[in-house]
Protein backbone atom coordinates (compact mmCIF):
# COMPACT_ATOMS: atom_id res chain seq x y z
CA MET A 1 -50.61 7.76 4.68
CA MET A 2 -49.29 9.54 7.68
CA PRO A 3 -47.11 12.20 7.59
CA VAL A 4 -43.07 11.57 8.83
CA TYR A 5 -42.01 14.59 10.89
CA PRO A 6 -38.36 14.85 11.90
CA PRO A 7 -37.70 14.04 15.60
CA ALA A 8 -36.91 17.01 16.78
CA MET A 9 -40.42 17.64 15.68
CA THR A 10 -42.42 14.99 17.07
CA ASN A 11 -40.02 15.25 20.54
CA ARG A 12 -41.78 18.65 21.11
CA GLY A 13 -45.28 17.05 20.12
CA LYS A 14 -44.25 14.69 22.47
CA HIS A 15 -43.86 17.18 25.07
CA LEU A 16 -46.72 18.73 25.05
CA LYS A 17 -48.77 15.52 25.51
CA ALA A 18 -46.50 15.21 28.10
CA LEU A 19 -47.21 18.44 29.81
CA ARG A 20 -51.00 18.22 28.93
CA GLU A 21 -51.28 15.02 30.98
CA GLY A 22 -49.54 15.65 33.83
CA ALA A 23 -52.17 19.03 33.78
CA GLY A 24 -54.09 16.05 33.99
CA LEU A 25 -56.40 17.52 31.04
CA SER A 26 -57.92 15.53 27.78
CA GLN A 27 -57.31 17.43 24.43
CA ARG A 28 -60.45 19.01 24.68
CA GLU A 29 -60.29 20.40 28.00
CA LEU A 30 -57.01 21.97 27.23
CA ALA A 31 -58.67 23.36 23.93
CA GLU A 32 -61.55 24.91 25.70
CA ARG A 33 -59.47 26.83 28.02
CA ILE A 34 -57.63 28.45 24.91
CA GLY A 35 -60.44 29.04 23.04
CA GLU A 36 -59.14 26.79 20.17
CA ILE A 37 -60.93 23.45 18.70
CA HIS A 38 -59.54 20.10 20.12
CA SER A 39 -58.17 19.30 16.40
CA ASN A 40 -55.51 21.91 16.58
CA VAL A 41 -54.65 20.31 20.49
CA HIS A 42 -53.86 16.49 18.55
CA TYR A 43 -52.61 18.82 15.26
CA TRP A 44 -49.82 19.86 17.14
CA GLU A 45 -48.83 17.49 19.56
CA SER A 46 -48.74 14.47 16.19
CA SER A 47 -47.03 16.80 13.82
CA GLY A 48 -44.76 18.11 16.67
CA ASN A 49 -45.77 22.09 15.10
CA LEU A 50 -45.78 25.26 17.67
CA PRO A 51 -48.70 26.13 18.23
CA ARG A 52 -49.55 30.14 16.65
CA SER A 53 -47.52 32.57 18.96
CA ASP A 54 -50.98 33.96 20.48
CA VAL A 55 -51.84 30.65 21.68
CA LEU A 56 -48.34 29.88 23.81
CA LEU A 57 -49.39 32.20 26.73
CA PRO A 58 -52.85 30.99 27.33
CA MET A 59 -51.65 27.24 26.59
CA ALA A 60 -48.85 27.72 29.43
CA LYS A 61 -51.22 29.43 31.57
CA ALA A 62 -53.75 26.49 31.41
CA LEU A 63 -50.62 23.87 32.33
CA GLY A 64 -49.52 25.78 34.97
CA ILE A 65 -46.14 26.39 33.25
CA THR A 66 -44.19 29.19 32.02
CA VAL A 67 -43.39 29.92 28.29
CA GLU A 68 -40.70 28.85 27.98
CA GLU A 69 -41.08 25.46 29.35
CA LEU A 70 -43.26 24.99 26.71
CA LEU A 71 -40.96 25.17 24.28
CA GLY A 72 -39.13 23.05 25.97
CA GLU A 73 -36.29 24.99 28.05
CA ALA A 74 -35.72 24.76 31.43
CA ARG A 75 -37.60 25.81 34.44
CA PRO A 76 -36.82 29.30 35.99
CA ARG A 77 -36.50 29.28 39.55
CA ARG A 78 -39.07 31.39 40.61
CA ALA A 79 -42.08 29.73 41.80
CA VAL A 80 -45.35 29.52 39.13
CA GLY A 81 -49.33 28.72 40.61
CA PRO A 82 -51.04 25.06 40.06
CA GLY A 83 -52.14 24.41 36.61
CA GLY A 84 -54.51 22.07 35.22
CA LYS A 85 -57.64 21.94 36.65
CA LEU A 86 -56.49 22.96 40.37
CA GLY A 87 -55.17 26.29 38.82
CA PRO A 88 -58.38 28.25 38.28
CA LEU A 89 -59.74 26.47 41.55
CA VAL A 90 -56.97 28.14 43.24
CA GLU A 91 -57.66 31.35 41.12
CA GLN A 92 -61.06 31.49 42.22
CA ILE A 93 -59.89 31.01 46.25
CA SER A 94 -57.45 33.35 46.53
CA LYS A 95 -59.87 36.42 45.44
CA LEU A 96 -62.64 34.87 48.93
CA PRO A 97 -62.05 36.87 51.70
CA ARG A 98 -59.98 36.27 53.95
CA ARG A 99 -62.18 34.47 56.22
CA GLN A 100 -63.42 32.17 53.73
CA GLN A 101 -59.74 31.07 52.55
CA VAL A 102 -59.17 29.99 55.90
CA LYS A 103 -61.91 27.54 55.93
CA VAL A 104 -60.85 26.36 52.87
CA VAL A 105 -57.96 25.79 54.24
CA GLU A 106 -59.14 23.88 57.12
CA PHE A 107 -61.54 22.18 55.12
CA LEU A 108 -58.85 20.98 52.82
CA GLU A 109 -56.13 20.07 55.65
CA ASN A 110 -58.49 18.23 57.31
CA TYR A 111 -59.62 15.43 54.18
CA LEU A 112 -55.77 15.22 53.12
CA ARG A 113 -54.52 14.42 57.39
CA GLY A 114 -57.72 11.72 56.41
CA MET A 115 -56.53 10.78 53.42
CA ASN A 116 -52.80 10.52 54.94
CA ASN A 117 -54.24 8.19 57.87
CA LYS A 118 -56.15 6.09 55.68
CA PRO A 119 -55.27 2.43 55.42
CA ALA A 120 -53.13 1.29 51.74
């Protein structure tokens, strides 16, 4: 028999699932990024129970959000870097020499320009 959780807890689980899906991550991908097993992510989403405190910051970083947002607080005014699958790529690009960063940006701009000009 499935356990019945209070509405506030299931809403928290739905919130976590929406954040994970919004970042374009599967439960397994999120679990790998935070050093947990995927069944823990499933448990947090289905039960609405919060992860341990030592998991909150790595999870927020993997999702590209703040811990406050992960806990359901309003988003702070300052910008947070991209999350999901894009976050680690942006971090790698930021470590490249400036000349290579410019090349990557030029490539992406040309690619996106081409995508915007394609007929729907």
